[in-house]
Structure formats: structure tokens, C-alpha cells
C-alpha atoms as a PDB file:
ATOM      1  CA  MET A   1     133.101 159.926 102.448  1.00  0.00           C
ATOM      2  CA  ARG A   2     132.261 158.818 106.062  1.00  0.00           C
ATOM      3  CA  LEU A   3     129.657 157.713 107.706  1.00  0.00           C
ATOM      4  CA  GLU A   4     128.806 160.110 110.677  1.00  0.00           C
ATOM      5  CA  SER A   5     127.772 158.888 113.567  1.00  0.00           C
ATOM      6  CA  GLY A   6     123.942 158.274 115.027  1.00  0.00           C
ATOM      7  CA  GLY A   7     123.210 156.969 110.642  1.00  0.00           C
ATOM      8  CA  GLU A   8     123.659 160.070 110.097  1.00  0.00           C
ATOM      9  CA  PRO A   9     124.143 159.888 105.967  1.00  0.00           C
ATOM     10  CA  PRO A  10     127.696 161.046 105.215  1.00  0.00           C
ATOM     11  CA  LEU A  11     129.021 164.486 104.522  1.00  0.00           C
ATOM     12  CA  ILE A  12     131.169 164.887 100.838  1.00  0.00           C
ATOM     13  CA  ARG A  13     134.433 167.306 102.072  1.00  0.00           C
ATOM     14  CA  THR A  14     137.664 166.519  99.990  1.00  0.00           C
ATOM     15  CA  PRO A  15     137.883 166.732  95.895  1.00  0.00           C
ATOM     16  CA  GLY A  16     136.820 162.934  95.205  1.00  0.00           C
ATOM     17  CA  GLU A  17     134.301 162.734  97.875  1.00  0.00           C
ATOM     18  CA  LEU A  18     132.622 165.338  95.860  1.00  0.00           C
ATOM     19  CA  CYS A  19     133.303 163.636  91.815  1.00  0.00           C
ATOM     20  CA  ALA A  20     131.639 160.798  93.525  1.00  0.00           C
ATOM     21  CA  THR A  21     128.575 162.510  94.563  1.00  0.00           C
ATOM     22  CA  VAL A  22     127.636 163.933  91.573  1.00  0.00           C
ATOM     23  CA  ALA A  23     128.334 160.869  89.299  1.00  0.00           C
ATOM     24  CA  ALA A  24     126.437 159.241  91.823  1.00  0.00           C
ATOM     25  CA  HIS A  25     123.073 161.924  92.544  1.00  0.00           C
ATOM     26  CA  PRO A  26     119.908 161.912  90.421  1.00  0.00           C
ATOM     27  CA  SER A  27     119.851 165.102  90.746  1.00  0.00           C
ATOM     28  CA  LEU A  28     124.062 166.128  88.985  1.00  0.00           C
ATOM     29  CA  ARG A  29     124.051 162.900  86.958  1.00  0.00           C
ATOM     30  CA  ALA A  30     123.884 165.222  83.988  1.00  0.00           C
ATOM     31  CA  CYS A  31     127.164 166.704  84.517  1.00  0.00           C
ATOM     32  CA  ALA A  32     130.055 165.772  83.847  1.00  0.00           C
ATOM     33  CA  VAL A  33     133.213 166.076  85.964  1.00  0.00           C
ATOM     34  CA  GLY A  34     136.147 167.645  83.936  1.00  0.00           C
ATOM     35  CA  ALA A  35     139.406 168.430  85.453  1.00  0.00           C
ATOM     36  CA  GLN A  36     140.234 167.881  88.991  1.00  0.00           C
ATOM     37  CA  ASP A  37     143.095 167.273  91.183  1.00  0.00           C
ATOM     38  CA  GLU A  38     143.827 168.192  95.297  1.00  0.00           C
ATOM     39  CA  ALA A  39     142.129 171.880  95.314  1.00  0.00           C
ATOM     40  CA  ARG A  40     140.200 172.408  92.131  1.00  0.00           C
ATOM     41  CA  VAL A  41     137.335 170.430  90.370  1.00  0.00           C
ATOM     42  CA  GLY A  42     135.703 171.556  87.379  1.00  0.00           C
ATOM     43  CA  LEU A  43     131.788 170.475  86.467  1.00  0.00           C
ATOM     44  CA  ARG A  44     129.799 171.612  83.111  1.00  0.00           C
ATOM     45  CA  LEU A  45     126.376 171.273  82.354  1.00  0.00           C
ATOM     46  CA  GLY A  46     125.599 171.536  78.110  1.00  0.00           C
ATOM     47  CA  GLU A  47     127.713 174.700  78.594  1.00  0.00           C
ATOM     48  CA  ALA A  48     128.329 176.143  81.116  1.00  0.00           C
ATOM     49  CA  GLU A  49     131.032 175.339  83.494  1.00  0.00           C
ATOM     50  CA  LEU A  50     131.586 175.637  87.378  1.00  0.00           C
ATOM     51  CA  ILE A  51     135.187 175.819  88.558  1.00  0.00           C
ATOM     52  CA  LEU A  52     135.192 174.484  92.240  1.00  0.00           C
ATOM     53  CA  LEU A  53     138.132 175.570  94.309  1.00  0.00           C
ATOM     54  CA  TRP A  54     139.814 174.650  97.400  1.00  0.00           C
ATOM     55  CA  PRO A  55     140.655 177.695 100.080  1.00  0.00           C
ATOM     56  CA  SER A  56     144.447 176.057  99.242  1.00  0.00           C
ATOM     57  CA  VAL A  57     144.464 178.017  96.266  1.00  0.00           C
ATOM     58  CA  TRP A  58     141.038 180.497  97.176  1.00  0.00           C
ATOM     59  CA  ARG A  59     142.720 181.644 100.429  1.00  0.00           C
ATOM     60  CA  ASP A  60     145.903 183.371  98.559  1.00  0.00           C
ATOM     61  CA  ALA A  61     145.586 185.660  95.661  1.00  0.00           C
ATOM     62  CA  SER A  62     148.809 184.946  94.050  1.00  0.00           C
ATOM     63  CA  ALA A  63     146.850 181.701  92.982  1.00  0.00           C
ATOM     64  CA  LEU A  64     143.624 182.720  92.732  1.00  0.00           C
ATOM     65  CA  GLU A  65     144.047 185.604  90.250  1.00  0.00           C
ATOM     66  CA  PRO A  66     144.960 182.837  87.478  1.00  0.00           C
ATOM     67  CA  GLU A  67     141.977 181.073  88.399  1.00  0.00           C
ATOM     68  CA  ARG A  68     140.281 184.254  87.482  1.00  0.00           C
ATOM     69  CA  ALA A  69     141.723 185.135  84.237  1.00  0.00           C
ATOM     70  CA  ARG A  70     141.010 181.416  82.924  1.00  0.00           C
ATOM     71  CA  ALA A  71     137.826 181.313  83.886  1.00  0.00           C
ATOM     72  CA  ALA A  72     137.004 184.515  82.800  1.00  0.00           C
ATOM     73  CA  ALA A  73     138.494 183.680  79.322  1.00  0.00           C
ATOM     74  CA  ARG A  74     136.504 180.150  79.116  1.00  0.00           C
ATOM     75  CA  GLY A  75     133.497 181.829  80.328  1.00  0.00           C
ATOM     76  CA  SER A  76     133.199 179.861  82.936  1.00  0.00           C
ATOM     77  CA  ALA A  77     132.462 180.604  87.017  1.00  0.00           C
ATOM     78  CA  LEU A  78     134.318 180.138  89.564  1.00  0.00           C
ATOM     79  CA  VAL A  79     132.346 178.453  93.024  1.00  0.00           C
ATOM     80  CA  LEU A  80     134.277 178.195  96.329  1.00  0.00           C
ATOM     81  CA  VAL A  81     134.657 175.172  99.139  1.00  0.00           C
ATOM     82  CA  GLY A  82     135.630 175.574 102.737  1.00  0.00           C
ATOM     83  CA  ALA A  83     134.444 175.845 105.868  1.00  0.00           C
ATOM     84  CA  ASP A  84     132.542 178.409 107.874  1.00  0.00           C
ATOM     85  CA  ALA A  85     135.935 179.295 109.007  1.00  0.00           C
ATOM     86  CA  ASP A  86     137.783 179.958 105.374  1.00  0.00           C
ATOM     87  CA  PHE A  87     134.724 182.223 104.163  1.00  0.00           C
ATOM     88  CA  ALA A  88     134.684 184.697 107.315  1.00  0.00           C
ATOM     89  CA  GLY A  89     135.615 188.762 106.228  1.00  0.00           C
ATOM     90  CA  LEU A  90     136.840 187.451 102.747  1.00  0.00           C
ATOM     91  CA  LEU A  91     132.853 187.218 100.865  1.00  0.00           C
ATOM     92  CA  PRO A  92     132.933 190.226  99.954  1.00  0.00           C
ATOM     93  CA  THR A  93     136.220 190.996  98.266  1.00  0.00           C
ATOM     94  CA  LEU A  94     135.733 188.045  96.921  1.00  0.00           C
ATOM     95  CA  ARG A  95     132.423 188.569  94.788  1.00  0.00           C
ATOM     96  CA  GLU A  96     134.063 192.088  93.483  1.00  0.00           C
ATOM     97  CA  ARG A  97     136.563 189.912  92.062  1.00  0.00           C
ATOM     98  CA  GLY A  98     133.678 187.784  89.980  1.00  0.00           C
ATOM     99  CA  VAL A  99     133.001 184.796  92.492  1.00  0.00           C
ATOM    100  CA  LEU A 100     129.964 183.447  91.050  1.00  0.00           C
ATOM    101  CA  GLN A 101     128.711 181.157  94.614  1.00  0.00           C
ATOM    102  CA  ALA A 102     130.150 179.868  97.300  1.00  0.00           C
ATOM    103  CA  VAL A 103     129.670 176.365  99.299  1.00  0.00           C
ATOM    104  CA  VAL A 104     130.349 175.922 102.578  1.00  0.00           C
ATOM    105  CA  LEU A 105     131.577 171.650 103.154  1.00  0.00           C
ATOM    106  CA  PRO A 106     131.528 169.187 104.789  1.00  0.00           C
ATOM    107  CA  ALA A 107     128.178 168.226 103.725  1.00  0.00           C
ATOM    108  CA  CYS A 108     125.655 165.923 103.426  1.00  0.00           C
ATOM    109  CA  ALA A 109     124.814 164.886  99.279  1.00  0.00           C
ATOM    110  CA  ASP A 110     121.209 166.627  99.152  1.00  0.00           C
ATOM    111  CA  ARG A 111     122.511 170.064  99.834  1.00  0.00           C
ATOM    112  CA  LEU A 112     125.213 169.852  97.797  1.00  0.00           C
ATOM    113  CA  ALA A 113     123.145 169.399  94.915  1.00  0.00           C
ATOM    114  CA  VAL A 114     120.661 172.019  95.580  1.00  0.00           C
ATOM    115  CA  GLU A 115     124.029 173.381  96.069  1.00  0.00           C
ATOM    116  CA  LEU A 116     125.629 173.392  92.647  1.00  0.00           C
ATOM    117  CA  GLN A 117     122.116 173.577  91.031  1.00  0.00           C
ATOM    118  CA  SER A 118     121.478 176.997  92.327  1.00  0.00           C
ATOM    119  CA  ALA A 119     125.232 177.439  90.533  1.00  0.00           C
ATOM    120  CA  PHE A 120     124.590 176.614  87.392  1.00  0.00           C
ATOM    121  CA  GLU A 121     121.300 178.268  87.391  1.00  0.00           C
ATOM    122  CA  ASN A 122     123.219 181.907  88.724  1.00  0.00           C
ATOM    123  CA  LEU A 123     125.728 181.160  86.030  1.00  0.00           C
ATOM    124  CA  ASP A 124     122.832 181.041  82.664  1.00  0.00           C
ATOM    125  CA  LEU A 125     121.431 184.319  84.468  1.00  0.00           C
ATOM    126  CA  ARG A 126     124.697 185.981  84.810  1.00  0.00           C
ATOM    127  CA  ARG A 127     125.016 184.803  80.943  1.00  0.00           C
ATOM    128  CA  ARG A 128     121.468 186.102  80.171  1.00  0.00           C
ATOM    129  CA  GLY A 129     122.122 189.471  82.258  1.00  0.00           C
ATOM    130  CA  ALA A 130     125.134 190.260  80.047  1.00  0.00           C
ATOM    131  CA  GLU A 131     123.300 189.131  76.817  1.00  0.00           C
ATOM    132  CA  ARG A 132     120.644 191.609  77.143  1.00  0.00           C
ATOM    133  CA  LYS A 133     123.348 194.417  78.289  1.00  0.00           C
ATOM    134  CA  GLN A 134     125.868 194.013  75.437  1.00  0.00           C
ATOM    135  CA  THR A 135     122.131 194.005  72.607  1.00  0.00           C
ATOM    136  CA  LEU A 136     121.027 197.013  75.105  1.00  0.00           C
ATOM    137  CA  ASP A 137     124.775 198.505  74.545  1.00  0.00           C
ATOM    138  CA  ARG A 138     124.264 197.288  70.888  1.00  0.00           C
ATOM    139  CA  TYR A 139     121.608 199.759  70.119  1.00  0.00           C
ATOM    140  CA  LYS A 140     122.453 202.680  71.926  1.00  0.00           C
ATOM    141  CA  TYR A 141     125.333 202.962  69.603  1.00  0.00           C
ATOM    142  CA  GLU A 142     122.998 202.386  66.709  1.00  0.00           C
ATOM    143  CA  LEU A 143     120.418 205.017  67.985  1.00  0.00           C
ATOM    144  CA  GLN A 144     123.561 207.676  68.206  1.00  0.00           C
ATOM    145  CA  GLU A 145     124.655 206.113  64.765  1.00  0.00           C
ATOM    146  CA  LEU A 146     121.328 207.328  62.538  1.00  0.00           C
ATOM    147  CA  LEU A 147     121.131 210.582  65.001  1.00  0.00           C
ATOM    148  CA  ASP A 148     124.510 211.767  64.203  1.00  0.00           C
ATOM    149  CA  THR A 149     123.192 210.779  59.747  1.00  0.00           C
ATOM    150  CA  SER A 150     120.552 212.841  61.162  1.00  0.00           C
ATOM    151  CA  ARG A 151     121.594 215.697  61.685  1.00  0.00           C
ATOM    152  CA  ALA A 152     124.520 215.276  58.706  1.00  0.00           C
ATOM    153  CA  LEU A 153     121.119 214.953  56.416  1.00  0.00           C
ATOM    154  CA  ALA A 154     120.110 217.904  58.019  1.00  0.00           C
ATOM    155  CA  SER A 155     123.791 220.195  57.554  1.00  0.00           C
ATOM    156  CA  GLU A 156     125.825 218.499  54.734  1.00  0.00           C
ATOM    157  CA  ARG A 157     124.192 220.320  51.106  1.00  0.00           C
ATOM    158  CA  ASP A 158     127.203 218.062  49.033  1.00  0.00           C
ATOM    159  CA  VAL A 159     125.819 214.896  47.728  1.00  0.00           C
ATOM    160  CA  ARG A 160     128.378 213.395  47.479  1.00  0.00           C
ATOM    161  CA  LYS A 161     130.090 213.886  51.267  1.00  0.00           C
ATOM    162  CA  LEU A 162     126.496 213.431  52.384  1.00  0.00           C
ATOM    163  CA  LEU A 163     126.464 210.015  50.389  1.00  0.00           C
ATOM    164  CA  ALA A 164     129.789 208.851  51.563  1.00  0.00           C
ATOM    165  CA  ALA A 165     128.964 210.023  55.492  1.00  0.00           C
ATOM    166  CA  ILE A 166     125.336 207.750  55.473  1.00  0.00           C
ATOM    167  CA  LEU A 167     127.768 204.123  53.711  1.00  0.00           C
ATOM    168  CA  LEU A 168     130.090 204.868  56.845  1.00  0.00           C
ATOM    169  CA  ASN A 169     127.722 205.090  59.468  1.00  0.00           C
ATOM    170  CA  ALA A 170     126.422 202.332  57.784  1.00  0.00           C
ATOM    171  CA  ARG A 171     129.001 199.807  58.152  1.00  0.00           C
ATOM    172  CA  GLN A 172     130.051 200.809  61.287  1.00  0.00           C
ATOM    173  CA  ILE A 173     126.850 199.980  62.452  1.00  0.00           C
ATOM    174  CA  THR A 174     126.423 196.942  61.200  1.00  0.00           C
ATOM    175  CA  GLY A 175     130.259 195.848  60.973  1.00  0.00           C
ATOM    176  CA  ALA A 176     130.511 195.959  57.472  1.00  0.00           C
ATOM    177  CA  ASP A 177     134.300 195.490  56.110  1.00  0.00           C
ATOM    178  CA  ALA A 178     133.450 197.749  52.195  1.00  0.00           C
ATOM    179  CA  GLY A 179     130.473 198.963  51.469  1.00  0.00           C
ATOM    180  CA  SER A 180     129.091 200.929  48.230  1.00  0.00           C
ATOM    181  CA  VAL A 181     125.933 202.899  46.800  1.00  0.00           C
ATOM    182  CA  TYR A 182     124.313 202.994  43.964  1.00  0.00           C
ATOM    183  CA  VAL A 183     121.984 205.118  42.662  1.00  0.00           C
ATOM    184  CA  VAL A 184     118.164 204.184  40.674  1.00  0.00           C
ATOM    185  CA  GLU A 185     117.998 206.850  37.951  1.00  0.00           C
ATOM    186  CA  GLY A 186     115.301 206.894  35.767  1.00  0.00           C
ATOM    187  CA  GLN A 187     112.196 208.223  34.784  1.00  0.00           C
ATOM    188  CA  ALA A 188     110.629 205.403  33.561  1.00  0.00           C
ATOM    189  CA  GLU A 189     108.434 203.157  35.059  1.00  0.00           C
ATOM    190  CA  ASP A 190     109.560 199.530  34.881  1.00  0.00           C
ATOM    191  CA  VAL A 191     112.836 200.067  36.988  1.00  0.00           C
ATOM    192  CA  ARG A 192     114.340 197.366  34.785  1.00  0.00           C
ATOM    193  CA  ASP A 193     113.791 200.484  32.050  1.00  0.00           C
ATOM    194  CA  ARG A 194     116.447 202.367  34.573  1.00  0.00           C
ATOM    195  CA  VAL A 195     120.000 202.201  35.436  1.00  0.00           C
ATOM    196  CA  LEU A 196     121.545 201.729  38.267  1.00  0.00           C
ATOM    197  CA  HIS A 197     124.580 204.340  38.381  1.00  0.00           C
ATOM    198  CA  PHE A 198     127.637 203.952  40.483  1.00  0.00           C
ATOM    199  CA  MET A 199     128.236 206.345  43.031  1.00  0.00           C
ATOM    200  CA  LEU A 200     131.475 205.283  45.478  1.00  0.00           C
ATOM    201  CA  SER A 201     132.816 202.629  47.424  1.00  0.00           C
ATOM    202  CA  GLN A 202     134.203 202.256  51.102  1.00  0.00           C
ATOM    203  CA  ASN A 203     136.367 198.749  52.156  1.00  0.00           C
ATOM    204  CA  ASP A 204     138.814 199.109  55.339  1.00  0.00           C
ATOM    205  CA  SER A 205     141.142 195.937  53.988  1.00  0.00           C
ATOM    206  CA  VAL A 206     141.709 197.104  49.790  1.00  0.00           C
ATOM    207  CA  GLN A 207     142.838 200.125  48.771  1.00  0.00           C
ATOM    208  CA  ILE A 208     140.942 200.165  45.362  1.00  0.00           C
ATOM    209  CA  ASP A 209     140.203 203.289  42.897  1.00  0.00           C
ATOM    210  CA  LEU A 210     136.715 202.717  41.401  1.00  0.00           C
ATOM    211  CA  THR A 211     135.716 204.976  39.013  1.00  0.00           C
ATOM    212  CA  GLU A 212     132.069 205.878  38.196  1.00  0.00           C
ATOM    213  CA  ALA A 213     129.988 203.332  35.807  1.00  0.00           C
ATOM    214  CA  THR A 214     126.541 202.424  35.693  1.00  0.00           C
ATOM    215  CA  LEU A 215     124.874 199.253  34.829  1.00  0.00           C
ATOM    216  CA  PRO A 216     121.661 197.480  33.846  1.00  0.00           C
ATOM    217  CA  ILE A 217     119.166 196.640  36.748  1.00  0.00           C
ATOM    218  CA  ASP A 218     118.401 192.489  36.161  1.00  0.00           C
ATOM    219  CA  GLY A 219     119.384 190.307  37.767  1.00  0.00           C
ATOM    220  CA  LYS A 220     122.933 189.441  36.551  1.00  0.00           C
ATOM    221  CA  SER A 221     124.081 191.355  39.264  1.00  0.00           C
ATOM    222  CA  ILE A 222     123.130 191.378  43.013  1.00  0.00           C
ATOM    223  CA  VAL A 223     122.699 194.692  43.702  1.00  0.00           C
ATOM    224  CA  GLY A 224     120.568 195.089  40.666  1.00  0.00           C
ATOM    225  CA  ALA A 225     118.232 191.962  41.518  1.00  0.00           C
ATOM    226  CA  ALA A 226     117.982 193.566  45.630  1.00  0.00           C
ATOM    227  CA  VAL A 227     116.539 196.579  42.950  1.00  0.00           C
ATOM    228  CA  ILE A 228     113.447 194.815  41.973  1.00  0.00           C
ATOM    229  CA  LEU A 229     113.034 192.223  44.301  1.00  0.00           C
ATOM    230  CA  ARG A 230     112.929 194.969  46.450  1.00  0.00           C
ATOM    231  CA  GLU A 231     114.358 193.799  50.168  1.00  0.00           C
ATOM    232  CA  SER A 232     118.029 192.867  51.202  1.00  0.00           C
ATOM    233  CA  ILE A 233     120.006 190.152  49.848  1.00  0.00           C
ATOM    234  CA  ASN A 234     122.559 188.358  51.832  1.00  0.00           C
ATOM    235  CA  LEU A 235     124.978 186.000  50.901  1.00  0.00           C
ATOM    236  CA  PRO A 236     126.547 183.873  53.556  1.00  0.00           C
ATOM    237  CA  ASP A 237     129.647 182.848  51.292  1.00  0.00           C
ATOM    238  CA  LEU A 238     129.689 184.862  48.636  1.00  0.00           C
ATOM    239  CA  ARG A 239     132.820 182.616  46.617  1.00  0.00           C
ATOM    240  CA  ALA A 240     130.581 179.967  46.854  1.00  0.00           C
ATOM    241  CA  ARG A 241     127.678 181.296  44.032  1.00  0.00           C
ATOM    242  CA  VAL A 242     128.948 180.511  40.743  1.00  0.00           C
ATOM    243  CA  ARG A 243     130.265 184.081  38.761  1.00  0.00           C
ATOM    244  CA  ASN A 244     127.896 186.010  36.363  1.00  0.00           C
ATOM    245  CA  GLN A 245     124.963 183.546  37.846  1.00  0.00           C
ATOM    246  CA  PRO A 246     121.854 186.013  37.694  1.00  0.00           C
ATOM    247  CA  ILE A 247     119.932 185.522  40.714  1.00  0.00           C
ATOM    248  CA  ARG A 248     116.000 184.927  39.776  1.00  0.00           C
ATOM    249  CA  VAL A 249     114.255 187.444  39.897  1.00  0.00           C
ATOM    250  CA  PRO A 250     109.981 187.660  38.555  1.00  0.00           C
ATOM    251  CA  ALA A 251     109.700 188.054  34.906  1.00  0.00           C
ATOM    252  CA  ARG A 252     109.040 190.949  33.912  1.00  0.00           C
ATOM    253  CA  PRO A 253     104.818 191.670  32.989  1.00  0.00           C
ATOM    254  CA  GLN A 254     103.045 191.637  29.975  1.00  0.00           C
ATOM    255  CA  LEU A 255     101.115 194.669  29.988  1.00  0.00           C
ATOM    256  CA  ARG A 256      97.440 194.313  27.675  1.00  0.00           C
ATOM    257  CA  ARG A 257      97.038 197.079  24.885  1.00  0.00           C
ATOM    258  CA  GLU A 258      94.083 198.675  27.540  1.00  0.00           C
ATOM    259  CA  ASP A 259      96.462 198.464  30.377  1.00  0.00           C
ATOM    260  CA  ARG A 260      99.579 200.609  27.895  1.00  0.00           C
ATOM    261  CA  VAL A 261      99.646 203.789  30.040  1.00  0.00           C
ATOM    262  CA  PRO A 262      99.556 206.107  27.033  1.00  0.00           C
ATOM    263  CA  ASP A 263     102.418 208.882  25.318  1.00  0.00           C
ATOM    264  CA  SER A 264     102.395 212.487  25.759  1.00  0.00           C
ATOM    265  CA  LEU A 265     101.171 212.403  21.447  1.00  0.00           C
ATOM    266  CA  ASP A 266      99.050 209.372  21.574  1.00  0.00           C
ATOM    267  CA  ALA A 267      96.988 211.310  24.545  1.00  0.00           C
ATOM    268  CA  ASP A 268      96.722 215.052  22.607  1.00  0.00           C
ATOM    269  CA  ARG A 269      95.491 211.733  19.414  1.00  0.00           C
ATOM    270  CA  ALA A 270      92.521 210.967  21.121  1.00  0.00           C
ATOM    271  CA  TYR A 271      92.098 214.312  22.492  1.00  0.00           C
ATOM    272  CA  ALA A 272      91.861 215.578  18.698  1.00  0.00           C
ATOM    273  CA  GLN A 273      89.031 212.166  17.973  1.00  0.00           C
ATOM    274  CA  ARG A 274      87.264 213.109  20.560  1.00  0.00           C
ATOM    275  CA  ALA A 275      87.045 217.165  19.131  1.00  0.00           C
ATOM    276  CA  ARG A 276      86.205 216.141  15.799  1.00  0.00           C
ATOM    277  CA  ARG A 277      83.698 213.613  17.133  1.00  0.00           C
ATOM    278  CA  GLY A 278      81.628 216.601  19.383  1.00  0.00           C
ATOM    279  CA  HIS A 279      81.789 219.074  16.524  1.00  0.00           C
ATOM    280  CA  ARG A 280      80.210 216.679  14.529  1.00  0.00           C
ATOM    281  CA  ARG A 281      77.352 215.942  16.909  1.00  0.00           C
ATOM    282  CA  HIS A 282      77.253 219.486  17.736  1.00  0.00           C
ATOM    283  CA  SER A 283      76.731 220.501  14.271  1.00  0.00           C
ATOM    284  CA  ALA A 284      74.114 217.821  12.976  1.00  0.00           C
ATOM    285  CA  HIS A 285      71.976 218.756  16.442  1.00  0.00           C
ATOM    286  CA  GLN A 286      72.013 222.633  13.991  1.00  0.00           C
ATOM    287  CA  GLN A 287      71.014 220.985  10.728  1.00  0.00           C
ATOM    288  CA  GLU A 288      68.288 218.895  13.097  1.00  0.00           C
ATOM    289  CA  ALA A 289      67.157 222.652  14.393  1.00  0.00           C
ATOM    290  CA  ARG A 290      67.161 224.112  11.002  1.00  0.00           C
ATOM    291  CA  SER A 291      65.085 221.735   8.913  1.00  0.00           C
END
């Protein structure tokens, strides 16, 4: 850096002077200097990275394109530096090619610090906007899948085809490689007295011909535990789970005698007993009336 006439602050022009300013300026000390040569400087702040290019690189389209591709692959942003004359008539085209910002040099340290801080903030805004767009696109896709499934529910009469369509759409929404459908069968009050009916399975990686089967509803199987708990079970690493190790589920409730729901035979017996008691009371009243 050269001290300008009249005691003016030194102006930054070269990659070396810029790196020295980043290391010395209080507002830029959190930045780390990465790769550096006579026409490039890499700056990193946390996970954000800026690639500053001088005119000898970015004014040559054949040299700029590889830099743009590398920055896009790494999630970095290109910041072009140069004099006003270097940018004349080029900024609209450069913005279309993914350039984040232009910094005019020479500049004093304070102005350069503001420009670089703005570049990092713009990069953060760009990332947040991209994440929001990705989330919105995902929601739109999932909503369309749900609508398609709803139409299938209304039009398909074959239960197996319907279950297969539901499973396929559920896997597409969640990005699952495989999936299975189990149906809870039975009318018992306690779900553990019913059975799980394995209906169908889909697997994009392994071709497996599985036949239908039934299994008890208990904590020994993941699907059985999910039915008892009535909630999703997420195992980040299925291979780390000990084989056949049961999942903790609530103990079966012990019903008191007065809480027991009578079956149809008990209900008939209770009705008959009440009827006999009522008949005896009616006969007793008639005898008292005669006497």
C-alpha cells in the first residue's frame, strides 16, 4: 500500500495489499485468507466463502467460466474487483453469470471493509433465498403427490393396487428406498390381542419376493411397537440395533373386575337375574295386596 499525497489514507489495489488489509482491519479479522495469487484471493467467514477476481481473469470469458463453475460447485460467490473503466458495460452480463458483487479499486481500508462485509451479507441472503425456494418447491411437490394419492383413493377399487399406490407415493415424498405395508386385523379392545398382516413390500435396491404373513403385535418388532405406541419410530442406524432386541412399550393394563367389559353371555345372565328379581318383587306386592 502506498501513502497518498496530502496525508490521505493508503489505497488498496493489489491482492497482496487486500490480504494485508483483511489481516489488520478490526472489522475483517474474523475473515480467513485462503488461496491467493496475483489475480485471485479467497476469503472465508465461517462457512461462507468469497472468491475475489481481478480484471486479468474476469475480463477473459474463457478464464472466468472455470472460476464460475468451481465457485458454484463449492457454494462460493464470485466478487469482481477492478477500476470503474473495467466494469463499463459489463455488469449486466456478469450478473447473469452468477457474479455476486463488484468492488471498485483502488479503495481505502474502511470502504473495502464495508464492501466485503456487504458481500458476505449478500451471500448469506442468497443462500437463505435458495433454501426457501427449495423448501417451497418441496412443499409443492409433496402437495401434488398427496392430491394424486387422493384421486387414486377415490377411483381405485382394488385394495392391493390402492395400497401399492399409497406406499409408492409415501416413498417418493420421504425419499425412501424401500417400504412395507402392514394391516392391523382383529376387533379386540387391546391392540396387542390383534395381529399384524404383512400385505406388500417395495424395494428399489434389492429384489425380494416376500409372501404374506401375520405376526403378533408386541415390542419385538418395530412395526408392532409403533402400533402399540401409536407414534413414529425413527432409528437413525438400523444396523446398530441389537437383533431381536424388543422396543420398550407400556405394560398391558390390568383391568379390575368392576372395569371388565362383560361378554354377550355375561350380559344375558345379568339381564335374566334382573328379570327374576323384578318378578319376585312384583309377586310379593300382589300377595300383600290380596291379604
